[in-house]
N, C-alpha and C. Protein backbone atom coordinates (compact mmCIF):
# COMPACT_ATOMS: atom_id res chain seq x y z
N SER A 1 0.84 -1.08 0.12
CA SER A 1 -0.16 -0.41 0.23
C SER A 1 0.92 1.23 -0.21
N LEU A 2 0.22 2.37 -0.39
CA LEU A 2 0.97 3.17 -0.35
C LEU A 2 1.51 4.07 1.17
N VAL A 3 0.73 3.75 2.19
CA VAL A 3 1.13 4.21 3.40
C VAL A 3 2.81 3.53 3.97
N ALA A 4 2.20 1.76 4.15
CA ALA A 4 3.35 1.44 3.63
C ALA A 4 4.66 1.83 3.07
N ASP A 5 4.57 1.71 1.79
CA ASP A 5 5.88 2.12 0.91
C ASP A 5 6.22 3.51 1.53
N LEU A 6 5.11 4.33 1.80
CA LEU A 6 6.19 6.00 2.22
C LEU A 6 7.04 5.67 3.91
N LEU A 7 6.16 4.57 4.67
CA LEU A 7 6.47 4.74 5.92
C LEU A 7 7.73 3.61 5.68
N GLN A 8 7.80 3.07 4.93
CA GLN A 8 9.38 2.55 4.42
C GLN A 8 10.22 3.54 3.98
N GLY A 9 10.30 4.29 3.06
CA GLY A 9 10.92 5.22 2.81
C GLY A 9 11.51 6.07 3.99
N LEU A 10 10.43 6.46 4.34
CA LEU A 10 10.82 7.61 5.57
C LEU A 10 11.86 6.91 6.27
N PHE A 11 11.76 5.33 7.27
CA PHE A 11 12.38 4.74 7.88
C PHE A 11 13.82 4.63 7.29
N LYS A 12 13.79 4.29 5.94
CA LYS A 12 15.02 4.52 4.90
C LYS A 12 16.29 4.96 5.14
N GLU A 13 15.20 6.65 5.55
CA GLU A 13 15.99 7.55 5.66
C GLU A 13 16.66 7.86 6.74
N ALA A 14 15.61 7.90 7.67
CA ALA A 14 16.15 7.84 9.29
C ALA A 14 16.89 7.08 9.36
N PHE A 15 17.17 5.89 9.29
CA PHE A 15 18.38 4.93 9.27
C PHE A 15 19.17 5.38 9.13
N SER A 16 19.69 5.91 7.66
CA SER A 16 20.28 6.37 6.76
C SER A 16 20.85 8.11 7.59
N LEU A 17 20.06 8.66 7.95
CA LEU A 17 20.19 9.56 8.34
C LEU A 17 20.92 9.38 10.28
N GLN A 18 20.29 8.60 10.61
CA GLN A 18 21.26 8.21 12.03
C GLN A 18 22.44 7.75 12.05
N LYS A 19 22.92 6.37 11.07
CA LYS A 19 24.20 5.97 10.35
C LYS A 19 24.87 7.39 10.19
N SER A 20 24.82 8.38 9.03
CA SER A 20 25.95 9.47 8.59
C SER A 20 26.12 10.20 10.24
N LEU A 21 24.95 10.69 11.31
CA LEU A 21 25.08 11.19 12.54
C LEU A 21 26.28 10.28 13.36
N LEU A 22 26.10 9.15 13.16
CA LEU A 22 27.01 8.19 14.09
C LEU A 22 28.25 8.07 13.51
N GLU A 23 28.81 8.17 12.30
CA GLU A 23 29.80 8.08 11.72
C GLU A 23 30.47 9.21 11.77
N LEU A 24 29.75 10.55 11.61
CA LEU A 24 30.23 12.18 11.78
C LEU A 24 30.75 12.64 13.40
N LEU A 25 29.81 11.90 14.51
CA LEU A 25 30.55 11.86 15.60
C LEU A 25 31.93 11.43 15.78
N ASP A 26 31.86 9.96 15.51
CA ASP A 26 32.99 9.10 15.33
C ASP A 26 34.25 10.11 15.05
N ARG A 27 33.88 10.79 13.79
CA ARG A 27 35.13 11.28 13.39
C ARG A 27 35.82 12.04 14.10
N ILE A 28 34.99 12.57 15.42
CA ILE A 28 35.37 13.66 16.51
C ILE A 28 36.73 13.44 17.50
N SER A 29 37.52 13.52 17.64
CA SER A 29 38.76 13.31 18.50
C SER A 29 38.66 14.60 19.69
N LEU A 30 39.31 13.91 20.83
CA LEU A 30 39.63 14.63 21.94
C LEU A 30 40.86 14.19 22.83
N ASP A 31 41.49 15.02 22.70
CA ASP A 31 42.92 14.51 23.59
C ASP A 31 42.73 15.41 25.18
N SER A 32 43.54 14.71 26.05
CA SER A 32 43.57 15.13 27.27
C SER A 32 43.38 16.41 27.64
N SER A 33 43.71 16.94 26.76
CA SER A 33 43.90 18.83 26.81
C SER A 33 42.59 19.93 26.58
N ALA A 34 41.88 18.52 26.11
CA ALA A 34 40.06 19.11 25.65
C ALA A 34 39.77 20.30 26.75
N SER A 35 39.29 21.11 26.74
CA SER A 35 38.51 22.37 27.07
C SER A 35 37.28 21.60 28.09
N GLU A 36 36.75 22.44 29.15
CA GLU A 36 35.50 21.87 29.36
C GLU A 36 34.46 21.87 28.60
N VAL A 37 34.39 22.92 27.99
CA VAL A 37 33.31 23.00 26.66
C VAL A 37 33.06 21.85 26.08
N GLU A 38 34.31 21.48 25.43
CA GLU A 38 34.11 20.15 24.56
C GLU A 38 33.98 18.83 25.00
N VAL A 39 34.44 19.31 26.33
CA VAL A 39 33.94 17.76 27.28
C VAL A 39 32.44 17.71 27.56
N SER A 40 31.92 18.90 27.76
CA SER A 40 30.60 19.02 27.89
C SER A 40 29.45 18.85 27.41
N ASP A 41 30.24 19.44 25.76
CA ASP A 41 29.63 18.59 24.61
C ASP A 41 29.35 17.39 24.59
N ILE A 42 30.70 16.90 24.61
CA ILE A 42 30.86 15.14 24.46
C ILE A 42 29.57 14.82 25.26
N VAL A 43 29.59 14.66 26.79
CA VAL A 43 28.63 14.35 27.76
C VAL A 43 27.06 14.92 26.99
N THR A 44 27.19 15.78 26.78
CA THR A 44 25.87 16.42 25.72
C THR A 44 25.61 15.07 24.57
N VAL A 45 26.37 14.81 23.88
CA VAL A 45 25.93 14.45 22.65
C VAL A 45 25.58 12.82 23.86
N ILE A 46 26.24 12.34 24.18
CA ILE A 46 26.30 11.30 25.41
C ILE A 46 24.93 10.73 25.60
N HIS A 47 24.72 12.10 26.28
CA HIS A 47 23.05 11.78 26.73
C HIS A 47 21.68 12.13 26.23
N GLY A 48 22.36 12.47 24.84
CA GLY A 48 21.50 12.85 23.55
C GLY A 48 21.43 11.34 22.96
N LEU A 49 22.27 10.84 22.62
CA LEU A 49 21.84 9.04 22.55
C LEU A 49 21.51 8.56 23.05
N LEU A 50 21.32 8.61 24.62
CA LEU A 50 20.38 7.88 25.63
C LEU A 50 18.95 8.04 25.39
N ASP A 51 18.78 9.03 25.15
CA ASP A 51 17.46 10.10 25.00
C ASP A 51 17.05 9.60 23.63
N ILE A 52 17.80 9.23 22.60
CA ILE A 52 17.08 8.78 21.63
C ILE A 52 16.82 7.18 21.96
N CYS A 53 17.83 6.31 22.45
CA CYS A 53 18.01 5.08 22.56
C CYS A 53 16.19 4.95 23.02
N SER A 54 16.10 5.58 24.14
CA SER A 54 14.29 5.59 24.44
C SER A 54 13.19 5.35 23.82
N ILE A 55 13.67 6.58 22.94
CA ILE A 55 12.60 7.20 21.97
C ILE A 55 12.90 5.64 21.33
N ILE A 56 13.61 5.36 20.42
CA ILE A 56 13.77 4.12 19.58
C ILE A 56 13.89 2.81 19.96
N SER A 57 13.43 2.42 21.25
CA SER A 57 13.73 1.03 21.26
C SER A 57 12.53 0.22 20.66
N ASN A 58 11.31 0.41 20.44
CA ASN A 58 10.28 0.01 20.62
C ASN A 58 10.17 -0.51 18.73
N LEU A 59 10.97 0.77 18.00
CA LEU A 59 10.99 0.72 16.47
C LEU A 59 11.72 -0.08 15.49
N ASP A 60 12.86 -0.21 16.17
CA ASP A 60 13.62 -1.43 15.56
C ASP A 60 14.73 -1.40 15.99
N MET A 61 14.85 -3.44 16.30
CA MET A 61 16.10 -3.31 17.23
C MET A 61 17.38 -3.24 16.62
N ALA A 62 17.93 -3.54 15.26
CA ALA A 62 18.90 -2.84 15.13
C ALA A 62 19.50 -1.86 15.28
N LEU A 63 18.33 -0.57 15.06
CA LEU A 63 18.73 0.38 14.68
C LEU A 63 19.28 0.88 16.67
N HIS A 64 18.26 0.41 17.45
CA HIS A 64 18.27 0.50 18.42
C HIS A 64 19.50 0.06 19.50
N ALA A 65 19.91 -1.16 18.98
CA ALA A 65 21.41 -2.08 19.66
C ALA A 65 22.70 -0.95 18.67
N ASN A 66 22.22 -0.18 17.74
CA ASN A 66 23.65 0.33 16.82
C ASN A 66 23.87 1.70 17.81
N THR A 67 22.27 1.85 18.14
CA THR A 67 22.34 3.28 18.78
C THR A 67 23.49 3.18 20.50
N TRP A 68 22.93 2.09 20.82
CA TRP A 68 23.70 1.93 22.50
C TRP A 68 25.04 1.37 22.56
N LYS A 69 25.16 0.61 21.00
CA LYS A 69 26.86 0.51 20.75
C LYS A 69 27.08 1.96 21.26
N PHE A 70 27.10 2.82 19.79
CA PHE A 70 27.84 3.95 19.93
C PHE A 70 27.58 5.05 21.26
N LEU A 71 26.64 4.64 22.07
CA LEU A 71 27.25 5.45 23.19
C LEU A 71 27.63 4.73 24.05
N ILE A 72 28.13 3.77 24.47
CA ILE A 72 28.98 3.10 24.94
C ILE A 72 30.69 2.99 24.50
N LYS A 73 30.52 2.99 23.59
CA LYS A 73 31.73 3.22 22.40
C LYS A 73 32.43 4.55 22.76
N GLN A 74 31.05 5.63 22.84
CA GLN A 74 32.11 6.83 23.01
C GLN A 74 32.17 7.68 24.65
N SER A 75 31.42 6.64 25.48
CA SER A 75 31.79 6.69 26.56
C SER A 75 32.89 6.31 27.18
N LEU A 76 33.76 5.15 26.60
CA LEU A 76 35.09 4.52 26.49
C LEU A 76 35.57 5.44 26.24
N LYS A 77 35.62 5.91 24.81
CA LYS A 77 36.67 6.39 23.91
C LYS A 77 36.77 7.91 24.89
N TYR A 78 35.84 8.18 25.46
CA TYR A 78 36.71 9.71 26.06
C TYR A 78 36.29 9.72 27.88
N GLN A 79 36.83 8.13 27.99
CA GLN A 79 36.05 7.95 29.70
C GLN A 79 37.09 8.74 30.38
N SER A 80 38.11 8.66 30.17
CA SER A 80 39.05 9.86 30.98
C SER A 80 38.44 11.12 31.44
N LEU A 81 37.96 11.83 30.35
CA LEU A 81 37.25 13.09 30.36
C LEU A 81 35.54 12.76 30.80
N VAL A 82 34.74 12.26 30.48
CA VAL A 82 34.04 12.16 30.71
C VAL A 82 32.89 11.10 31.91
N GLU A 83 33.72 10.68 32.92
CA GLU A 83 33.54 9.46 33.85
C GLU A 83 32.65 10.27 35.01
N GLU A 84 33.16 11.24 35.02
CA GLU A 84 33.09 12.25 36.50
C GLU A 84 31.49 12.58 36.21
N HIS A 85 31.07 13.11 34.55
CA HIS A 85 30.03 13.97 34.22
C HIS A 85 28.46 13.05 33.84
N LEU A 86 29.30 12.10 33.51
CA LEU A 86 28.28 11.05 32.56
C LEU A 86 27.10 10.81 33.89
N HIS A 87 25.64 10.36 33.15
CA HIS A 87 24.79 10.39 34.33
C HIS A 87 24.58 8.54 34.20
N HIS A 88 25.63 8.40 35.50
CA HIS A 88 25.77 6.34 34.97
C HIS A 88 24.46 6.17 35.59
N GLY A 89 23.97 7.03 36.71
CA GLY A 89 22.31 5.79 37.03
C GLY A 89 21.46 6.24 35.64
N ASP A 90 21.29 7.46 35.09
CA ASP A 90 20.45 6.99 33.51
C ASP A 90 20.76 5.93 32.66
N ILE A 91 22.29 6.11 32.46
CA ILE A 91 22.86 5.08 31.23
C ILE A 91 22.21 3.53 32.05
N ILE A 92 22.45 3.15 33.72
CA ILE A 92 22.29 1.94 33.92
C ILE A 92 20.99 1.58 33.77
N ASN A 93 20.32 2.53 34.24
CA ASN A 93 18.60 2.59 33.95
C ASN A 93 17.99 2.07 32.36
N GLY A 94 18.31 2.48 31.78
CA GLY A 94 18.43 2.56 30.15
C GLY A 94 18.36 1.21 29.76
N LEU A 95 19.86 0.81 30.49
CA LEU A 95 20.53 -0.38 30.01
C LEU A 95 19.39 -1.86 31.05
N CYS A 96 19.27 -1.67 32.16
CA CYS A 96 18.54 -2.37 33.00
C CYS A 96 17.07 -2.90 31.97
N ASP A 97 16.57 -1.49 32.60
CA ASP A 97 15.31 -1.61 31.56
C ASP A 97 15.16 -1.83 30.06
N ASN A 98 16.28 -1.80 29.02
CA ASN A 98 15.93 -2.15 27.99
C ASN A 98 16.59 -4.01 28.31
N PHE A 99 17.41 -4.61 28.91
CA PHE A 99 17.39 -5.69 29.07
C PHE A 99 16.32 -6.75 29.47
N LEU A 100 15.86 -6.25 30.50
CA LEU A 100 14.52 -6.84 31.03
C LEU A 100 13.52 -6.80 29.68
N ALA A 101 12.75 -5.37 28.73
CA ALA A 101 12.39 -5.37 28.22
C ALA A 101 12.49 -6.68 27.48
N SER A 102 13.47 -6.59 26.97
CA SER A 102 14.12 -7.75 25.88
C SER A 102 13.70 -8.97 26.09
N PHE A 103 14.14 -9.34 27.39
CA PHE A 103 13.67 -10.38 28.46
C PHE A 103 12.10 -10.75 28.50
N ASP A 104 11.62 -9.77 28.99
CA ASP A 104 10.56 -10.05 28.89
C ASP A 104 9.56 -10.48 27.72
N ASN A 105 10.23 -9.68 26.56
CA ASN A 105 9.46 -10.20 25.47
C ASN A 105 9.28 -11.47 24.89
N SER A 106 10.89 -12.06 24.90
CA SER A 106 11.27 -13.21 24.51
C SER A 106 10.92 -14.29 25.31
N VAL A 107 10.64 -14.22 26.91
CA VAL A 107 9.61 -14.83 27.61
C VAL A 107 8.03 -14.84 27.22
N GLU A 108 7.47 -13.48 26.70
CA GLU A 108 6.61 -13.72 26.65
C GLU A 108 6.16 -14.83 24.92
N LEU A 109 7.36 -14.20 24.28
CA LEU A 109 7.09 -15.05 22.59
C LEU A 109 6.84 -16.56 23.23
N ALA A 110 7.98 -16.82 24.15
CA ALA A 110 8.38 -18.53 24.24
C ALA A 110 6.82 -19.08 24.90
N GLU A 111 6.26 -18.29 25.58
CA GLU A 111 4.96 -19.11 25.82
C GLU A 111 3.89 -18.97 24.81
N GLN A 112 3.63 -17.90 24.15
CA GLN A 112 3.22 -18.42 22.96
C GLN A 112 3.06 -19.01 22.31
N MET A 113 4.68 -19.53 22.15
CA MET A 113 4.71 -20.35 20.73
C MET A 113 4.40 -21.99 21.87
N GLN A 114 4.17 -22.40 23.31
CA GLN A 114 3.80 -23.27 24.30
C GLN A 114 2.78 -23.38 23.91
N ARG A 115 1.55 -22.16 24.19
CA ARG A 115 0.40 -22.31 24.01
C ARG A 115 0.04 -22.64 22.80
N ALA A 116 0.35 -22.64 21.80
CA ALA A 116 0.08 -22.22 20.33
C ALA A 116 0.56 -23.97 19.91
N GLU A 117 1.84 -24.59 20.66
CA GLU A 117 1.68 -26.07 20.54
C GLU A 117 2.28 -26.32 18.80
N LEU A 118 3.34 -25.39 18.66
CA LEU A 118 3.99 -25.21 16.80
C LEU A 118 4.56 -26.66 16.81
N GLN A 119 4.27 -26.91 15.66
CA GLN A 119 5.26 -28.41 15.45
C GLN A 119 6.11 -28.27 14.83
N GLU A 120 6.48 -27.06 13.92
CA GLU A 120 7.74 -26.83 13.12
C GLU A 120 8.58 -25.90 14.24
N LEU A 121 8.39 -25.78 15.21
CA LEU A 121 8.58 -24.44 16.07
C LEU A 121 9.74 -23.44 15.45
N THR A 122 10.68 -24.31 14.70
CA THR A 122 11.88 -23.54 14.65
C THR A 122 11.95 -22.62 13.43
N GLN A 123 10.56 -23.60 12.50
CA GLN A 123 10.70 -22.59 11.22
C GLN A 123 8.90 -21.47 11.46
N SER A 124 9.17 -20.82 12.23
CA SER A 124 7.99 -20.21 12.78
C SER A 124 8.26 -18.77 12.66
N PRO A 125 7.54 -18.09 12.49
CA PRO A 125 7.76 -16.72 12.46
C PRO A 125 7.47 -16.61 13.67
N GLU A 126 7.08 -16.94 14.66
CA GLU A 126 6.90 -16.22 15.94
C GLU A 126 8.61 -17.09 16.93
N TYR A 127 8.93 -17.97 16.17
CA TYR A 127 10.70 -18.27 16.33
C TYR A 127 11.49 -17.13 16.19
N LYS A 128 11.38 -16.97 14.51
CA LYS A 128 12.63 -16.25 14.10
C LYS A 128 12.21 -14.44 15.66
N LEU A 129 10.98 -14.10 15.68
CA LEU A 129 11.42 -12.90 16.37
C LEU A 129 11.78 -13.12 17.92
N PHE A 130 11.40 -14.65 18.49
CA PHE A 130 11.67 -14.68 19.80
C PHE A 130 13.12 -14.91 19.65
N GLN A 131 13.88 -15.20 18.90
CA GLN A 131 15.55 -15.60 18.21
C GLN A 131 16.03 -14.13 18.42
N LYS A 132 15.53 -12.59 17.88
CA LYS A 132 15.96 -11.43 17.82
C LYS A 132 15.72 -10.83 19.07
N HIS A 133 14.77 -11.62 19.78
CA HIS A 133 14.36 -10.55 21.13
C HIS A 133 16.47 -11.37 22.19
N ALA A 134 16.22 -12.73 21.68
CA ALA A 134 16.83 -13.43 23.08
C ALA A 134 18.33 -12.54 22.38
N LYS A 135 18.37 -12.50 21.37
CA LYS A 135 20.20 -11.79 21.00
C LYS A 135 20.03 -10.77 21.33
N MET A 136 18.91 -9.88 21.72
CA MET A 136 18.72 -8.13 22.37
C MET A 136 19.53 -8.61 23.77
N CYS A 137 18.84 -9.66 24.01
CA CYS A 137 18.92 -9.66 25.74
C CYS A 137 20.64 -9.95 26.14
N ARG A 138 20.68 -10.51 25.18
CA ARG A 138 22.50 -10.92 25.29
C ARG A 138 23.44 -9.86 24.98
N PHE A 139 22.83 -8.99 23.78
CA PHE A 139 23.69 -7.87 23.89
C PHE A 139 23.21 -7.13 25.41
N PHE A 140 22.23 -6.82 25.77
CA PHE A 140 22.10 -6.20 26.67
C PHE A 140 22.91 -6.65 27.87
N ALA A 141 22.97 -7.77 28.18
CA ALA A 141 23.37 -8.79 29.17
C ALA A 141 24.95 -8.16 29.08
N ASN A 142 25.35 -8.62 28.22
CA ASN A 142 26.92 -8.21 27.83
C ASN A 142 27.41 -6.81 27.79
N THR A 143 26.74 -6.31 27.25
CA THR A 143 26.88 -4.68 27.29
C THR A 143 26.60 -3.46 29.24
N VAL A 144 25.69 -4.57 29.91
CA VAL A 144 25.51 -4.03 31.87
C VAL A 144 26.82 -4.46 32.11
N VAL A 145 27.08 -5.62 31.79
CA VAL A 145 28.61 -6.27 32.16
C VAL A 145 29.90 -5.50 32.10
N HIS A 146 29.70 -4.86 30.92
CA HIS A 146 30.94 -4.62 30.48
C HIS A 146 30.68 -2.88 31.02
N TYR A 147 29.49 -2.40 31.28
CA TYR A 147 30.01 -1.00 31.43
C TYR A 147 30.08 -0.92 32.58
N ILE A 148 29.62 -2.08 33.98
CA ILE A 148 30.08 -1.97 34.90
C ILE A 148 31.53 -2.49 35.57
N LYS A 149 32.35 -3.59 34.59
CA LYS A 149 33.65 -3.32 34.40
C LYS A 149 34.64 -1.85 34.16
N GLU A 150 34.00 -1.55 33.28
CA GLU A 150 34.59 -0.02 33.35
C GLU A 150 34.50 1.34 33.98
N PHE A 151 33.40 1.13 34.38
CA PHE A 151 32.86 2.15 35.34
C PHE A 151 32.40 1.92 36.59
N LYS A 152 33.61 0.72 37.08
CA LYS A 152 33.09 0.25 37.98
C LYS A 152 33.13 1.44 39.27
N TYR A 153 33.75 2.03 39.47
CA TYR A 153 33.50 3.62 40.54
C TYR A 153 32.26 4.35 40.87
N PHE A 154 32.27 4.17 39.74
CA PHE A 154 30.96 5.10 39.21
C PHE A 154 29.36 4.32 39.54
N VAL A 155 29.25 3.31 39.43
CA VAL A 155 27.85 2.71 39.53
C VAL A 155 27.90 1.48 40.41
N THR A 156 28.92 2.11 41.45
CA THR A 156 28.72 1.55 42.56
C THR A 156 26.96 1.36 43.31
N LYS A 157 26.56 3.18 43.65
CA LYS A 157 25.22 3.25 44.37
C LYS A 157 24.45 2.82 43.61
N HIS A 158 24.60 2.49 42.38
CA HIS A 158 23.29 1.73 41.33
C HIS A 158 23.06 0.13 41.92
N CYS A 159 23.68 -0.30 42.81
CA CYS A 159 23.84 -2.00 42.83
C CYS A 159 22.52 -2.58 43.20
N ARG A 160 21.55 -1.48 44.00
CA ARG A 160 20.11 -1.65 43.54
C ARG A 160 19.67 -2.63 42.37
N ASN A 161 19.67 -1.50 41.51
CA ASN A 161 19.26 -1.46 39.88
C ASN A 161 20.24 -2.96 39.92
N PHE A 162 21.02 -3.49 39.82
CA PHE A 162 21.46 -4.97 39.00
C PHE A 162 21.06 -6.01 39.97
N HIS A 163 20.62 -5.87 41.03
CA HIS A 163 20.47 -6.53 42.02
C HIS A 163 18.74 -6.97 41.99
N GLN A 164 17.97 -6.04 41.54
CA GLN A 164 16.52 -5.58 41.02
C GLN A 164 16.83 -6.25 39.54
N LEU A 165 17.43 -6.37 38.92
CA LEU A 165 17.89 -6.87 37.63
C LEU A 165 17.31 -8.46 37.54
N TYR A 166 18.16 -8.70 38.52
CA TYR A 166 19.07 -10.41 39.00
C TYR A 166 17.90 -11.06 39.07
N LEU A 167 16.81 -10.50 40.42
CA LEU A 167 16.03 -11.14 41.01
C LEU A 167 14.74 -11.14 39.88
N GLN A 168 14.70 -10.42 38.60
CA GLN A 168 13.58 -10.04 38.20
C GLN A 168 13.77 -11.02 36.69
N ILE A 169 14.85 -11.33 36.45
CA ILE A 169 15.60 -12.53 35.63
C ILE A 169 15.30 -13.72 35.98
N ILE A 170 16.47 -14.19 37.03
CA ILE A 170 15.65 -15.15 37.87
C ILE A 170 14.71 -15.90 38.20
N SER A 171 13.76 -14.88 38.27
CA SER A 171 12.31 -15.38 39.13
C SER A 171 11.49 -16.30 37.49
N LYS A 172 12.00 -15.71 36.19
CA LYS A 172 11.72 -16.61 35.26
C LYS A 172 11.86 -18.09 35.15
N PHE A 173 12.85 -18.46 35.75
CA PHE A 173 13.50 -19.47 35.60
C PHE A 173 13.48 -20.33 36.36
N PRO A 174 12.93 -21.81 35.96
CA PRO A 174 13.00 -22.55 37.77
C PRO A 174 14.55 -22.94 38.63
N PRO A 175 14.15 -22.82 39.82
CA PRO A 175 12.52 -23.58 40.40
C PRO A 175 12.16 -22.27 41.28
N SER A 176 12.18 -21.46 40.50
CA SER A 176 11.03 -20.36 41.15
C SER A 176 10.26 -20.49 40.83
N ILE A 177 9.31 -20.11 41.81
CA ILE A 177 7.60 -20.91 41.92
C ILE A 177 6.85 -20.24 40.87
N SER A 178 7.55 -18.84 40.40
CA SER A 178 6.81 -18.08 39.11
C SER A 178 6.83 -17.88 37.92
N ALA A 179 8.62 -18.79 37.44
CA ALA A 179 8.85 -19.16 36.71
C ALA A 179 7.43 -19.86 35.40
N PRO A 180 7.58 -19.42 34.41
CA PRO A 180 6.57 -20.00 33.50
C PRO A 180 7.11 -21.21 32.41
N ALA A 181 6.50 -22.12 31.91
CA ALA A 181 6.35 -23.69 31.52
C ALA A 181 6.81 -23.07 30.20
N LEU A 182 8.30 -23.26 29.74
CA LEU A 182 8.51 -22.50 28.59
C LEU A 182 9.18 -23.96 27.86
N PRO A 183 9.06 -24.08 26.50
CA PRO A 183 9.52 -25.45 25.71
C PRO A 183 11.25 -25.62 26.36
N SER A 184 11.99 -26.61 26.49
CA SER A 184 13.14 -26.64 26.80
C SER A 184 14.24 -25.79 26.36
N ALA A 185 13.91 -26.11 24.91
CA ALA A 185 14.86 -25.46 23.79
C ALA A 185 14.77 -24.01 24.32
N LEU A 186 13.90 -23.21 24.39
CA LEU A 186 13.41 -21.71 24.10
C LEU A 186 14.04 -21.86 25.79
N ALA A 187 13.84 -22.23 26.78
CA ALA A 187 14.29 -21.40 27.83
C ALA A 187 16.20 -21.59 28.33
N GLY A 188 16.47 -22.89 27.36
CA GLY A 188 17.99 -22.78 27.14
C GLY A 188 18.47 -21.64 26.67
N GLU A 189 17.74 -21.59 25.44
CA GLU A 189 18.40 -19.86 24.72
C GLU A 189 18.26 -18.56 25.26
N LEU A 190 17.55 -18.87 26.31
CA LEU A 190 17.32 -17.58 27.01
C LEU A 190 18.27 -17.55 28.22
N ASN A 191 19.00 -18.82 28.74
CA ASN A 191 19.29 -19.07 30.10
C ASN A 191 20.98 -19.00 29.50
N ALA A 192 21.14 -18.98 28.18
CA ALA A 192 22.35 -19.14 28.11
C ALA A 192 23.69 -17.82 28.40
């Protein structure tokens, strides 16, 4: 339909624009002699990327993941300059919320497949979508761990967030009494 074609074209342009913007931002280079204004600008860019992540989280998984990758990359690239200025709590909350959302979506899809009793489980569109969400779970899990390792002195006051995330994730697996009955193959993919 015309609307679908227009939306697809708009999305392709937005994706291209975002890619170009990230490439342009990646070319910026600051060293330890950077002024406070330059450091403040980089911090503003990183926080702006965080805002973009929250806006696009439900639009496209690849775009969302690439924006998060770039946010973390820039945070690490300028770590010595920006670590004291970053809103680590906001970044941690974003990572944890996105991890939990991806995980919950994966569990929900696995439950739907269980109820539908799909014979050709691995050939179904639901399974392909499940795999994408599970991949996002692994991405966010690895990103959370990486961020903690790199900014450990700045994220210690956010241990409560990590503990809460852990409890929410672990409650979805046996022996938890609230664990949903999932096909073992799908539960194994989530547990990996």
